[in-house]
Amino acid sequence: LVIYATYRNQQTTLRTALPPTYQGHNEINVWSPFIYGNMVPIAPDFSVALKSEQAAGTIFMVIKIDGRVRWKVGTFVSGRYHLNVRCPAYITFGSKNNGVSVGENAVKYQLVTRCSVSV
């Protein structure tokens, strides 16, 4: 599985690999990946909208997870299926009080939202 962020459907961070995981029945896995993108160019068509959102203090991004999964039921093990997860996220600029500072130029946010998942 890999995780990355997009702005208006354009990838704006590097892809970060999530560790391979076995999830048992009724188990929950929690990941805290660090995704980043320094000086990532965006399409010129989006620059006006991005400047406007930054001036307002919040930008809308979509956090995406892509990868391949399989599952086991009894002794049956499925083939590999493509997994697509899309989570809307509003990232706040300005006060770091809205997140947890994790270094000089990084802030950690907790993302609590409904995501769309397709297999």
PDB file of N, CA and C in Angstrom:
ATOM      1  N   LEU A   1       0.839  -1.185   0.000  1.00  0.00           N
ATOM      2  CA  LEU A   1       0.000   0.000   0.000  1.00  0.00           C
ATOM      3  C   LEU A   1       0.877   1.240   0.000  1.00  0.00           C
ATOM      4  N   VAL A   2       0.464   2.258  -0.711  1.00  0.00           N
ATOM      5  CA  VAL A   2       1.154   3.551  -0.700  1.00  0.00           C
ATOM      6  C   VAL A   2       0.144   4.645  -0.405  1.00  0.00           C
ATOM      7  N   ILE A   3       0.600   5.710   0.235  1.00  0.00           N
ATOM      8  CA  ILE A   3      -0.260   6.831   0.596  1.00  0.00           C
ATOM      9  C   ILE A   3       0.354   8.111   0.047  1.00  0.00           C
ATOM     10  N   TYR A   4      -0.500   9.020  -0.418  1.00  0.00           N
ATOM     11  CA  TYR A   4      -0.034  10.308  -0.923  1.00  0.00           C
ATOM     12  C   TYR A   4      -1.201  11.291  -0.907  1.00  0.00           C
ATOM     13  N   ALA A   5      -0.899  12.560  -1.097  1.00  0.00           N
ATOM     14  CA  ALA A   5      -1.935  13.599  -1.108  1.00  0.00           C
ATOM     15  C   ALA A   5      -2.054  14.193  -2.501  1.00  0.00           C
ATOM     16  N   THR A   6      -3.285  14.637  -2.827  1.00  0.00           N
ATOM     17  CA  THR A   6      -3.524  15.296  -4.103  1.00  0.00           C
ATOM     18  C   THR A   6      -4.264  16.603  -3.872  1.00  0.00           C
ATOM     19  N   TYR A   7      -4.026  17.547  -4.758  1.00  0.00           N
ATOM     20  CA  TYR A   7      -4.765  18.804  -4.787  1.00  0.00           C
ATOM     21  C   TYR A   7      -5.416  18.890  -6.149  1.00  0.00           C
ATOM     22  N   ARG A   8      -6.734  18.924  -6.169  1.00  0.00           N
ATOM     23  CA  ARG A   8      -7.501  18.955  -7.415  1.00  0.00           C
ATOM     24  C   ARG A   8      -7.060  17.851  -8.377  1.00  0.00           C
ATOM     25  N   ASN A   9      -6.921  16.674  -7.818  1.00  0.00           N
ATOM     26  CA  ASN A   9      -6.568  15.449  -8.543  1.00  0.00           C
ATOM     27  C   ASN A   9      -5.140  15.432  -9.094  1.00  0.00           C
ATOM     28  N   GLN A  10      -4.283  16.319  -8.611  1.00  0.00           N
ATOM     29  CA  GLN A  10      -2.881  16.326  -9.008  1.00  0.00           C
ATOM     30  C   GLN A  10      -2.046  15.943  -7.794  1.00  0.00           C
ATOM     31  N   GLN A  11      -1.200  14.932  -7.933  1.00  0.00           N
ATOM     32  CA  GLN A  11      -0.389  14.466  -6.817  1.00  0.00           C
ATOM     33  C   GLN A  11       0.553  15.577  -6.349  1.00  0.00           C
ATOM     34  N   THR A  12       0.557  15.841  -5.033  1.00  0.00           N
ATOM     35  CA  THR A  12       1.373  16.927  -4.486  1.00  0.00           C
ATOM     36  C   THR A  12       2.388  16.455  -3.458  1.00  0.00           C
ATOM     37  N   THR A  13       2.384  15.185  -3.112  1.00  0.00           N
ATOM     38  CA  THR A  13       3.379  14.645  -2.185  1.00  0.00           C
ATOM     39  C   THR A  13       3.991  13.394  -2.789  1.00  0.00           C
ATOM     40  N   LEU A  14       5.109  13.010  -2.232  1.00  0.00           N
ATOM     41  CA  LEU A  14       5.719  11.755  -2.647  1.00  0.00           C
ATOM     42  C   LEU A  14       4.862  10.603  -2.147  1.00  0.00           C
ATOM     43  N   ARG A  15       4.963   9.460  -2.807  1.00  0.00           N
ATOM     44  CA  ARG A  15       4.272   8.263  -2.342  1.00  0.00           C
ATOM     45  C   ARG A  15       5.058   7.674  -1.185  1.00  0.00           C
ATOM     46  N   THR A  16       4.353   7.387  -0.086  1.00  0.00           N
ATOM     47  CA  THR A  16       4.964   6.804   1.101  1.00  0.00           C
ATOM     48  C   THR A  16       4.406   5.404   1.282  1.00  0.00           C
ATOM     49  N   ALA A  17       5.299   4.412   1.393  1.00  0.00           N
ATOM     50  CA  ALA A  17       4.859   3.024   1.543  1.00  0.00           C
ATOM     51  C   ALA A  17       4.376   2.758   2.965  1.00  0.00           C
ATOM     52  N   LEU A  18       3.262   2.054   3.072  1.00  0.00           N
ATOM     53  CA  LEU A  18       2.774   1.586   4.360  1.00  0.00           C
ATOM     54  C   LEU A  18       3.263   0.153   4.539  1.00  0.00           C
ATOM     55  N   PRO A  19       3.540  -0.258   5.775  1.00  0.00           N
ATOM     56  CA  PRO A  19       4.093  -1.604   5.975  1.00  0.00           C
ATOM     57  C   PRO A  19       3.069  -2.693   5.642  1.00  0.00           C
ATOM     58  N   PRO A  20       3.548  -3.825   5.099  1.00  0.00           N
ATOM     59  CA  PRO A  20       2.633  -4.944   4.872  1.00  0.00           C
ATOM     60  C   PRO A  20       2.014  -5.353   6.210  1.00  0.00           C
ATOM     61  N   THR A  21       0.727  -5.667   6.186  1.00  0.00           N
ATOM     62  CA  THR A  21       0.010  -5.923   7.430  1.00  0.00           C
ATOM     63  C   THR A  21      -0.919  -7.108   7.271  1.00  0.00           C
ATOM     64  N   TYR A  22      -1.015  -7.901   8.326  1.00  0.00           N
ATOM     65  CA  TYR A  22      -2.050  -8.925   8.406  1.00  0.00           C
ATOM     66  C   TYR A  22      -3.072  -8.423   9.408  1.00  0.00           C
ATOM     67  N   GLN A  23      -4.310  -8.357   8.986  1.00  0.00           N
ATOM     68  CA  GLN A  23      -5.368  -7.878   9.870  1.00  0.00           C
ATOM     69  C   GLN A  23      -6.311  -9.031  10.151  1.00  0.00           C
ATOM     70  N   GLY A  24      -6.332  -9.466  11.394  1.00  0.00           N
ATOM     71  CA  GLY A  24      -7.202 -10.566  11.794  1.00  0.00           C
ATOM     72  C   GLY A  24      -8.649 -10.125  11.913  1.00  0.00           C
ATOM     73  N   HIS A  25      -9.515 -11.075  12.214  1.00  0.00           N
ATOM     74  CA  HIS A  25     -10.954 -10.828  12.338  1.00  0.00           C
ATOM     75  C   HIS A  25     -11.232  -9.811  13.443  1.00  0.00           C
ATOM     76  N   ASN A  26     -12.009  -8.778  13.120  1.00  0.00           N
ATOM     77  CA  ASN A  26     -12.393  -7.711  14.053  1.00  0.00           C
ATOM     78  C   ASN A  26     -11.211  -6.935  14.618  1.00  0.00           C
ATOM     79  N   GLU A  27     -10.095  -6.907  13.920  1.00  0.00           N
ATOM     80  CA  GLU A  27      -8.935  -6.130  14.353  1.00  0.00           C
ATOM     81  C   GLU A  27      -8.922  -4.784  13.643  1.00  0.00           C
ATOM     82  N   ILE A  28      -8.260  -3.822  14.262  1.00  0.00           N
ATOM     83  CA  ILE A  28      -8.110  -2.488  13.693  1.00  0.00           C
ATOM     84  C   ILE A  28      -6.625  -2.171  13.623  1.00  0.00           C
ATOM     85  N   ASN A  29      -6.174  -1.685  12.483  1.00  0.00           N
ATOM     86  CA  ASN A  29      -4.787  -1.237  12.326  1.00  0.00           C
ATOM     87  C   ASN A  29      -4.770   0.275  12.239  1.00  0.00           C
ATOM     88  N   VAL A  30      -3.836   0.907  12.935  1.00  0.00           N
ATOM     89  CA  VAL A  30      -3.701   2.354  12.909  1.00  0.00           C
ATOM     90  C   VAL A  30      -2.323   2.685  12.341  1.00  0.00           C
ATOM     91  N   TRP A  31      -2.300   3.536  11.314  1.00  0.00           N
ATOM     92  CA  TRP A  31      -1.052   3.989  10.720  1.00  0.00           C
ATOM     93  C   TRP A  31      -0.916   5.486  10.936  1.00  0.00           C
ATOM     94  N   SER A  32       0.309   5.949  11.080  1.00  0.00           N
ATOM     95  CA  SER A  32       0.593   7.384  11.175  1.00  0.00           C
ATOM     96  C   SER A  32       1.689   7.716  10.170  1.00  0.00           C
ATOM     97  N   PRO A  33       1.355   7.678   8.888  1.00  0.00           N
ATOM     98  CA  PRO A  33       2.389   7.926   7.873  1.00  0.00           C
ATOM     99  C   PRO A  33       2.753   9.402   7.796  1.00  0.00           C
ATOM    100  N   PHE A  34       3.965   9.656   7.370  1.00  0.00           N
ATOM    101  CA  PHE A  34       4.472  11.013   7.158  1.00  0.00           C
ATOM    102  C   PHE A  34       4.542  11.216   5.652  1.00  0.00           C
ATOM    103  N   ILE A  35       3.678  12.074   5.130  1.00  0.00           N
ATOM    104  CA  ILE A  35       3.717  12.367   3.696  1.00  0.00           C
ATOM    105  C   ILE A  35       4.163  13.810   3.519  1.00  0.00           C
ATOM    106  N   TYR A  36       4.965  14.040   2.500  1.00  0.00           N
ATOM    107  CA  TYR A  36       5.488  15.385   2.296  1.00  0.00           C
ATOM    108  C   TYR A  36       5.797  15.626   0.825  1.00  0.00           C
ATOM    109  N   GLY A  37       5.871  16.878   0.492  1.00  0.00           N
ATOM    110  CA  GLY A  37       6.257  17.286  -0.847  1.00  0.00           C
ATOM    111  C   GLY A  37       6.866  18.666  -0.761  1.00  0.00           C
ATOM    112  N   ASN A  38       8.113  18.788  -1.111  1.00  0.00           N
ATOM    113  CA  ASN A  38       8.809  20.073  -1.081  1.00  0.00           C
ATOM    114  C   ASN A  38       8.910  20.639  -2.489  1.00  0.00           C
ATOM    115  N   MET A  39       8.441  21.856  -2.643  1.00  0.00           N
ATOM    116  CA  MET A  39       8.558  22.559  -3.921  1.00  0.00           C
ATOM    117  C   MET A  39       7.959  21.745  -5.076  1.00  0.00           C
ATOM    118  N   VAL A  40       6.798  21.179  -4.863  1.00  0.00           N
ATOM    119  CA  VAL A  40       6.127  20.395  -5.892  1.00  0.00           C
ATOM    120  C   VAL A  40       5.377  21.346  -6.820  1.00  0.00           C
ATOM    121  N   PRO A  41       5.689  21.324  -8.111  1.00  0.00           N
ATOM    122  CA  PRO A  41       4.984  22.226  -9.032  1.00  0.00           C
ATOM    123  C   PRO A  41       3.550  21.756  -9.238  1.00  0.00           C
ATOM    124  N   ILE A  42       2.647  22.704  -9.398  1.00  0.00           N
ATOM    125  CA  ILE A  42       1.262  22.357  -9.713  1.00  0.00           C
ATOM    126  C   ILE A  42       0.897  22.986 -11.045  1.00  0.00           C
ATOM    127  N   ALA A  43      -0.167  22.485 -11.619  1.00  0.00           N
ATOM    128  CA  ALA A  43      -0.614  23.006 -12.908  1.00  0.00           C
ATOM    129  C   ALA A  43      -0.960  24.490 -12.773  1.00  0.00           C
ATOM    130  N   PRO A  44      -0.562  25.314 -13.736  1.00  0.00           N
ATOM    131  CA  PRO A  44      -0.842  26.755 -13.670  1.00  0.00           C
ATOM    132  C   PRO A  44      -2.327  27.064 -13.488  1.00  0.00           C
ATOM    133  N   ASP A  45      -3.197  26.205 -14.000  1.00  0.00           N
ATOM    134  CA  ASP A  45      -4.642  26.429 -13.865  1.00  0.00           C
ATOM    135  C   ASP A  45      -5.089  26.458 -12.405  1.00  0.00           C
ATOM    136  N   PHE A  46      -4.327  25.801 -11.519  1.00  0.00           N
ATOM    137  CA  PHE A  46      -4.720  25.691 -10.114  1.00  0.00           C
ATOM    138  C   PHE A  46      -4.119  26.780  -9.232  1.00  0.00           C
ATOM    139  N   SER A  47      -3.194  27.563  -9.745  1.00  0.00           N
ATOM    140  CA  SER A  47      -2.473  28.513  -8.899  1.00  0.00           C
ATOM    141  C   SER A  47      -3.388  29.568  -8.281  1.00  0.00           C
ATOM    142  N   VAL A  48      -4.355  30.073  -9.021  1.00  0.00           N
ATOM    143  CA  VAL A  48      -5.269  31.091  -8.488  1.00  0.00           C
ATOM    144  C   VAL A  48      -6.100  30.502  -7.353  1.00  0.00           C
ATOM    145  N   ALA A  49      -6.646  29.305  -7.569  1.00  0.00           N
ATOM    146  CA  ALA A  49      -7.458  28.655  -6.531  1.00  0.00           C
ATOM    147  C   ALA A  49      -6.619  28.349  -5.295  1.00  0.00           C
ATOM    148  N   LEU A  50      -5.391  27.875  -5.494  1.00  0.00           N
ATOM    149  CA  LEU A  50      -4.518  27.543  -4.365  1.00  0.00           C
ATOM    150  C   LEU A  50      -4.177  28.794  -3.559  1.00  0.00           C
ATOM    151  N   LYS A  51      -3.847  29.879  -4.233  1.00  0.00           N
ATOM    152  CA  LYS A  51      -3.543  31.131  -3.523  1.00  0.00           C
ATOM    153  C   LYS A  51      -4.754  31.612  -2.735  1.00  0.00           C
ATOM    154  N   SER A  52      -5.928  31.474  -3.314  1.00  0.00           N
ATOM    155  CA  SER A  52      -7.156  31.880  -2.634  1.00  0.00           C
ATOM    156  C   SER A  52      -7.403  31.035  -1.385  1.00  0.00           C
ATOM    157  N   GLU A  53      -7.221  29.715  -1.504  1.00  0.00           N
ATOM    158  CA  GLU A  53      -7.421  28.832  -0.354  1.00  0.00           C
ATOM    159  C   GLU A  53      -6.376  29.091   0.733  1.00  0.00           C
ATOM    160  N   GLN A  54      -5.124  29.314   0.324  1.00  0.00           N
ATOM    161  CA  GLN A  54      -4.073  29.621   1.310  1.00  0.00           C
ATOM    162  C   GLN A  54      -4.394  30.911   2.041  1.00  0.00           C
ATOM    163  N   ALA A  55      -4.861  31.923   1.315  1.00  0.00           N
ATOM    164  CA  ALA A  55      -5.213  33.197   1.944  1.00  0.00           C
ATOM    165  C   ALA A  55      -6.359  33.016   2.940  1.00  0.00           C
ATOM    166  N   ALA A  56      -7.262  32.076   2.657  1.00  0.00           N
ATOM    167  CA  ALA A  56      -8.384  31.795   3.559  1.00  0.00           C
ATOM    168  C   ALA A  56      -7.933  30.978   4.769  1.00  0.00           C
ATOM    169  N   GLY A  57      -6.738  30.373   4.685  1.00  0.00           N
ATOM    170  CA  GLY A  57      -6.190  29.631   5.825  1.00  0.00           C
ATOM    171  C   GLY A  57      -6.398  28.135   5.788  1.00  0.00           C
ATOM    172  N   THR A  58      -7.094  27.609   4.769  1.00  0.00           N
ATOM    173  CA  THR A  58      -7.353  26.176   4.676  1.00  0.00           C
ATOM    174  C   THR A  58      -7.344  25.746   3.221  1.00  0.00           C
ATOM    175  N   ILE A  59      -6.691  24.612   2.944  1.00  0.00           N
ATOM    176  CA  ILE A  59      -6.782  24.066   1.591  1.00  0.00           C
ATOM    177  C   ILE A  59      -7.420  22.680   1.660  1.00  0.00           C
ATOM    178  N   PHE A  60      -8.147  22.349   0.616  1.00  0.00           N
ATOM    179  CA  PHE A  60      -8.807  21.059   0.528  1.00  0.00           C
ATOM    180  C   PHE A  60      -7.931  20.123  -0.286  1.00  0.00           C
ATOM    181  N   MET A  61      -7.576  19.000   0.312  1.00  0.00           N
ATOM    182  CA  MET A  61      -6.777  17.989  -0.373  1.00  0.00           C
ATOM    183  C   MET A  61      -7.483  16.652  -0.227  1.00  0.00           C
ATOM    184  N   VAL A  62      -7.055  15.688  -1.005  1.00  0.00           N
ATOM    185  CA  VAL A  62      -7.559  14.329  -0.863  1.00  0.00           C
ATOM    186  C   VAL A  62      -6.360  13.433  -0.567  1.00  0.00           C
ATOM    187  N   ILE A  63      -6.456  12.683   0.535  1.00  0.00           N
ATOM    188  CA  ILE A  63      -5.426  11.719   0.889  1.00  0.00           C
ATOM    189  C   ILE A  63      -5.823  10.401   0.237  1.00  0.00           C
ATOM    190  N   LYS A  64      -4.894   9.806  -0.506  1.00  0.00           N
ATOM    191  CA  LYS A  64      -5.203   8.591  -1.254  1.00  0.00           C
ATOM    192  C   LYS A  64      -4.304   7.442  -0.798  1.00  0.00           C
ATOM    193  N   ILE A  65      -4.892   6.267  -0.736  1.00  0.00           N
ATOM    194  CA  ILE A  65      -4.141   5.037  -0.467  1.00  0.00           C
ATOM    195  C   ILE A  65      -4.450   4.091  -1.613  1.00  0.00           C
ATOM    196  N   ASP A  66      -3.406   3.589  -2.252  1.00  0.00           N
ATOM    197  CA  ASP A  66      -3.550   2.645  -3.356  1.00  0.00           C
ATOM    198  C   ASP A  66      -2.694   1.423  -3.062  1.00  0.00           C
ATOM    199  N   GLY A  67      -3.160   0.289  -3.481  1.00  0.00           N
ATOM    200  CA  GLY A  67      -2.361  -0.911  -3.298  1.00  0.00           C
ATOM    201  C   GLY A  67      -3.125  -2.159  -3.681  1.00  0.00           C
ATOM    202  N   ARG A  68      -2.568  -3.272  -3.294  1.00  0.00           N
ATOM    203  CA  ARG A  68      -3.169  -4.555  -3.590  1.00  0.00           C
ATOM    204  C   ARG A  68      -3.432  -5.279  -2.277  1.00  0.00           C
ATOM    205  N   VAL A  69      -4.586  -5.922  -2.198  1.00  0.00           N
ATOM    206  CA  VAL A  69      -4.958  -6.662  -0.994  1.00  0.00           C
ATOM    207  C   VAL A  69      -5.476  -8.039  -1.380  1.00  0.00           C
ATOM    208  N   ARG A  70      -5.487  -8.910  -0.420  1.00  0.00           N
ATOM    209  CA  ARG A  70      -6.152 -10.208  -0.561  1.00  0.00           C
ATOM    210  C   ARG A  70      -6.715 -10.576   0.791  1.00  0.00           C
ATOM    211  N   TRP A  71      -7.626 -11.513   0.822  1.00  0.00           N
ATOM    212  CA  TRP A  71      -8.239 -11.884   2.085  1.00  0.00           C
ATOM    213  C   TRP A  71      -8.375 -13.393   2.190  1.00  0.00           C
ATOM    214  N   LYS A  72      -8.619 -13.818   3.423  1.00  0.00           N
ATOM    215  CA  LYS A  72      -8.703 -15.235   3.728  1.00  0.00           C
ATOM    216  C   LYS A  72     -10.012 -15.495   4.469  1.00  0.00           C
ATOM    217  N   VAL A  73     -10.756 -16.501   4.027  1.00  0.00           N
ATOM    218  CA  VAL A  73     -11.971 -16.944   4.701  1.00  0.00           C
ATOM    219  C   VAL A  73     -11.820 -18.452   4.879  1.00  0.00           C
ATOM    220  N   GLY A  74     -11.638 -18.875   6.129  1.00  0.00           N
ATOM    221  CA  GLY A  74     -11.373 -20.298   6.380  1.00  0.00           C
ATOM    222  C   GLY A  74     -10.058 -20.681   5.738  1.00  0.00           C
ATOM    223  N   THR A  75     -10.089 -21.645   4.838  1.00  0.00           N
ATOM    224  CA  THR A  75      -8.859 -22.056   4.145  1.00  0.00           C
ATOM    225  C   THR A  75      -8.713 -21.375   2.782  1.00  0.00           C
ATOM    226  N   PHE A  76      -9.763 -20.672   2.334  1.00  0.00           N
ATOM    227  CA  PHE A  76      -9.729 -19.993   1.035  1.00  0.00           C
ATOM    228  C   PHE A  76      -8.931 -18.703   1.142  1.00  0.00           C
ATOM    229  N   VAL A  77      -7.990 -18.519   0.237  1.00  0.00           N
ATOM    230  CA  VAL A  77      -7.237 -17.265   0.139  1.00  0.00           C
ATOM    231  C   VAL A  77      -7.517 -16.679  -1.235  1.00  0.00           C
ATOM    232  N   SER A  78      -7.994 -15.440  -1.255  1.00  0.00           N
ATOM    233  CA  SER A  78      -8.365 -14.798  -2.522  1.00  0.00           C
ATOM    234  C   SER A  78      -7.132 -14.458  -3.346  1.00  0.00           C
ATOM    235  N   GLY A  79      -7.389 -14.080  -4.586  1.00  0.00           N
ATOM    236  CA  GLY A  79      -6.333 -13.503  -5.412  1.00  0.00           C
ATOM    237  C   GLY A  79      -6.084 -12.074  -4.950  1.00  0.00           C
ATOM    238  N   ARG A  80      -5.225 -11.369  -5.640  1.00  0.00           N
ATOM    239  CA  ARG A  80      -4.929  -9.977  -5.271  1.00  0.00           C
ATOM    240  C   ARG A  80      -5.905  -9.040  -5.968  1.00  0.00           C
ATOM    241  N   TYR A  81      -6.409  -8.057  -5.207  1.00  0.00           N
ATOM    242  CA  TYR A  81      -7.342  -7.075  -5.725  1.00  0.00           C
ATOM    243  C   TYR A  81      -6.782  -5.682  -5.483  1.00  0.00           C
ATOM    244  N   HIS A  82      -7.073  -4.775  -6.408  1.00  0.00           N
ATOM    245  CA  HIS A  82      -6.615  -3.395  -6.255  1.00  0.00           C
ATOM    246  C   HIS A  82      -7.509  -2.685  -5.240  1.00  0.00           C
ATOM    247  N   LEU A  83      -6.902  -1.975  -4.297  1.00  0.00           N
ATOM    248  CA  LEU A  83      -7.617  -1.230  -3.269  1.00  0.00           C
ATOM    249  C   LEU A  83      -7.427   0.257  -3.519  1.00  0.00           C
ATOM    250  N   ASN A  84      -8.523   1.015  -3.543  1.00  0.00           N
ATOM    251  CA  ASN A  84      -8.493   2.476  -3.695  1.00  0.00           C
ATOM    252  C   ASN A  84      -9.195   3.098  -2.504  1.00  0.00           C
ATOM    253  N   VAL A  85      -8.488   3.935  -1.751  1.00  0.00           N
ATOM    254  CA  VAL A  85      -9.082   4.650  -0.623  1.00  0.00           C
ATOM    255  C   VAL A  85      -8.913   6.141  -0.886  1.00  0.00           C
ATOM    256  N   ARG A  86      -9.972   6.916  -0.695  1.00  0.00           N
ATOM    257  CA  ARG A  86      -9.951   8.367  -0.904  1.00  0.00           C
ATOM    258  C   ARG A  86     -10.528   9.040   0.327  1.00  0.00           C
ATOM    259  N   CYS A  87      -9.714   9.892   0.992  1.00  0.00           N
ATOM    260  CA  CYS A  87     -10.141  10.579   2.212  1.00  0.00           C
ATOM    261  C   CYS A  87     -10.034  12.088   2.027  1.00  0.00           C
ATOM    262  N   PRO A  88     -11.140  12.816   2.084  1.00  0.00           N
ATOM    263  CA  PRO A  88     -11.085  14.275   1.980  1.00  0.00           C
ATOM    264  C   PRO A  88     -10.432  14.860   3.229  1.00  0.00           C
ATOM    265  N   ALA A  89      -9.624  15.908   3.055  1.00  0.00           N
ATOM    266  CA  ALA A  89      -8.930  16.513   4.195  1.00  0.00           C
ATOM    267  C   ALA A  89      -8.817  18.014   3.999  1.00  0.00           C
ATOM    268  N   TYR A  90      -9.124  18.762   5.039  1.00  0.00           N
ATOM    269  CA  TYR A  90      -8.908  20.200   5.047  1.00  0.00           C
ATOM    270  C   TYR A  90      -7.656  20.454   5.877  1.00  0.00           C
ATOM    271  N   ILE A  91      -6.624  20.992   5.250  1.00  0.00           N
ATOM    272  CA  ILE A  91      -5.362  21.274   5.932  1.00  0.00           C
ATOM    273  C   ILE A  91      -5.342  22.754   6.276  1.00  0.00           C
ATOM    274  N   THR A  92      -5.147  23.050   7.551  1.00  0.00           N
ATOM    275  CA  THR A  92      -5.189  24.424   8.044  1.00  0.00           C
ATOM    276  C   THR A  92      -3.800  25.027   8.064  1.00  0.00           C
ATOM    277  N   PHE A  93      -3.690  26.266   7.581  1.00  0.00           N
ATOM    278  CA  PHE A  93      -2.435  27.007   7.633  1.00  0.00           C
ATOM    279  C   PHE A  93      -2.477  27.963   8.803  1.00  0.00           C
ATOM    280  N   GLY A  94      -1.331  28.518   9.108  1.00  0.00           N
ATOM    281  CA  GLY A  94      -1.292  29.523  10.167  1.00  0.00           C
ATOM    282  C   GLY A  94      -0.906  28.899  11.486  1.00  0.00           C
ATOM    283  N   SER A  95      -1.744  29.042  12.481  1.00  0.00           N
ATOM    284  CA  SER A  95      -1.437  28.588  13.835  1.00  0.00           C
ATOM    285  C   SER A  95      -1.145  27.100  13.879  1.00  0.00           C
ATOM    286  N   LYS A  96      -0.014  26.745  14.463  1.00  0.00           N
ATOM    287  CA  LYS A  96       0.324  25.338  14.622  1.00  0.00           C
ATOM    288  C   LYS A  96      -0.458  24.711  15.763  1.00  0.00           C
ATOM    289  N   ASN A  97      -1.300  25.511  16.437  1.00  0.00           N
ATOM    290  CA  ASN A  97      -2.136  24.983  17.506  1.00  0.00           C
ATOM    291  C   ASN A  97      -3.195  24.023  16.959  1.00  0.00           C
ATOM    292  N   ASN A  98      -3.424  24.043  15.650  1.00  0.00           N
ATOM    293  CA  ASN A  98      -4.406  23.160  15.038  1.00  0.00           C
ATOM    294  C   ASN A  98      -3.864  21.751  14.837  1.00  0.00           C
ATOM    295  N   GLY A  99      -2.589  21.566  15.036  1.00  0.00           N
ATOM    296  CA  GLY A  99      -1.959  20.256  14.885  1.00  0.00           C
ATOM    297  C   GLY A  99      -0.869  20.110  15.916  1.00  0.00           C
ATOM    298  N   VAL A 100      -0.076  19.058  15.787  1.00  0.00           N
ATOM    299  CA  VAL A 100       1.035  18.797  16.696  1.00  0.00           C
ATOM    300  C   VAL A 100       2.325  19.054  15.940  1.00  0.00           C
ATOM    301  N   SER A 101       3.160  19.953  16.438  1.00  0.00           N
ATOM    302  CA  SER A 101       4.420  20.273  15.780  1.00  0.00           C
ATOM    303  C   SER A 101       5.357  19.073  15.880  1.00  0.00           C
ATOM    304  N   VAL A 102       5.898  18.649  14.745  1.00  0.00           N
ATOM    305  CA  VAL A 102       6.839  17.521  14.707  1.00  0.00           C
ATOM    306  C   VAL A 102       8.090  17.933  13.938  1.00  0.00           C
ATOM    307  N   GLY A 103       8.728  18.950  14.401  1.00  0.00           N
ATOM    308  CA  GLY A 103       9.925  19.443  13.731  1.00  0.00           C
ATOM    309  C   GLY A 103       9.755  20.901  13.387  1.00  0.00           C
ATOM    310  N   GLU A 104      10.789  21.435  12.752  1.00  0.00           N
ATOM    311  CA  GLU A 104      10.782  22.849  12.420  1.00  0.00           C
ATOM    312  C   GLU A 104       9.701  23.230  11.424  1.00  0.00           C
ATOM    313  N   ASN A 105       9.524  22.402  10.394  1.00  0.00           N
ATOM    314  CA  ASN A 105       8.602  22.769   9.318  1.00  0.00           C
ATOM    315  C   ASN A 105       7.487  21.753   9.103  1.00  0.00           C
ATOM    316  N   ALA A 106       7.159  20.962  10.112  1.00  0.00           N
ATOM    317  CA  ALA A 106       6.140  19.931   9.934  1.00  0.00           C
ATOM    318  C   ALA A 106       5.126  19.976  11.070  1.00  0.00           C
ATOM    319  N   VAL A 107       3.887  19.719  10.712  1.00  0.00           N
ATOM    320  CA  VAL A 107       2.800  19.664  11.686  1.00  0.00           C
ATOM    321  C   VAL A 107       2.019  18.385  11.422  1.00  0.00           C
ATOM    322  N   LYS A 108       1.706  17.662  12.491  1.00  0.00           N
ATOM    323  CA  LYS A 108       0.953  16.424  12.377  1.00  0.00           C
ATOM    324  C   LYS A 108      -0.513  16.718  12.646  1.00  0.00           C
ATOM    325  N   TYR A 109      -1.378  16.232  11.750  1.00  0.00           N
ATOM    326  CA  TYR A 109      -2.815  16.407  11.890  1.00  0.00           C
ATOM    327  C   TYR A 109      -3.470  15.052  12.073  1.00  0.00           C
ATOM    328  N   GLN A 110      -4.515  15.032  12.846  1.00  0.00           N
ATOM    329  CA  GLN A 110      -5.308  13.817  12.959  1.00  0.00           C
ATOM    330  C   GLN A 110      -6.435  13.929  11.951  1.00  0.00           C
ATOM    331  N   LEU A 111      -6.557  12.933  11.096  1.00  0.00           N
ATOM    332  CA  LEU A 111      -7.565  12.944  10.042  1.00  0.00           C
ATOM    333  C   LEU A 111      -8.730  12.074  10.482  1.00  0.00           C
ATOM    334  N   VAL A 112      -9.832  12.694  10.788  1.00  0.00           N
ATOM    335  CA  VAL A 112     -11.033  11.961  11.184  1.00  0.00           C
ATOM    336  C   VAL A 112     -12.134  12.329  10.198  1.00  0.00           C
ATOM    337  N   THR A 113     -12.416  11.430   9.299  1.00  0.00           N
ATOM    338  CA  THR A 113     -13.397  11.684   8.256  1.00  0.00           C
ATOM    339  C   THR A 113     -13.868  10.368   7.667  1.00  0.00           C
ATOM    340  N   ARG A 114     -14.905  10.421   6.913  1.00  0.00           N
ATOM    341  CA  ARG A 114     -15.345   9.228   6.189  1.00  0.00           C
ATOM    342  C   ARG A 114     -14.600   9.161   4.868  1.00  0.00           C
ATOM    343  N   CYS A 115     -14.081   7.999   4.586  1.00  0.00           N
ATOM    344  CA  CYS A 115     -13.339   7.787   3.351  1.00  0.00           C
ATOM    345  C   CYS A 115     -14.127   6.874   2.435  1.00  0.00           C
ATOM    346  N   SER A 116     -13.896   7.028   1.153  1.00  0.00           N
ATOM    347  CA  SER A 116     -14.505   6.090   0.204  1.00  0.00           C
ATOM    348  C   SER A 116     -13.487   4.997  -0.106  1.00  0.00           C
ATOM    349  N   VAL A 117     -13.955   3.759  -0.151  1.00  0.00           N
ATOM    350  CA  VAL A 117     -13.084   2.614  -0.382  1.00  0.00           C
ATOM    351  C   VAL A 117     -13.685   1.779  -1.505  1.00  0.00           C
ATOM    352  N   SER A 118     -12.853   1.398  -2.462  1.00  0.00           N
ATOM    353  CA  SER A 118     -13.308   0.488  -3.500  1.00  0.00           C
ATOM    354  C   SER A 118     -12.263  -0.580  -3.727  1.00  0.00           C
ATOM    355  N   VAL A 119     -12.723  -1.775  -4.021  1.00  0.00           N
ATOM    356  CA  VAL A 119     -11.828  -2.918  -4.276  1.00  0.00           C
ATOM    357  C   VAL A 119     -12.132  -3.442  -5.664  1.00  0.00           C
TER     358      VAL A 119
END
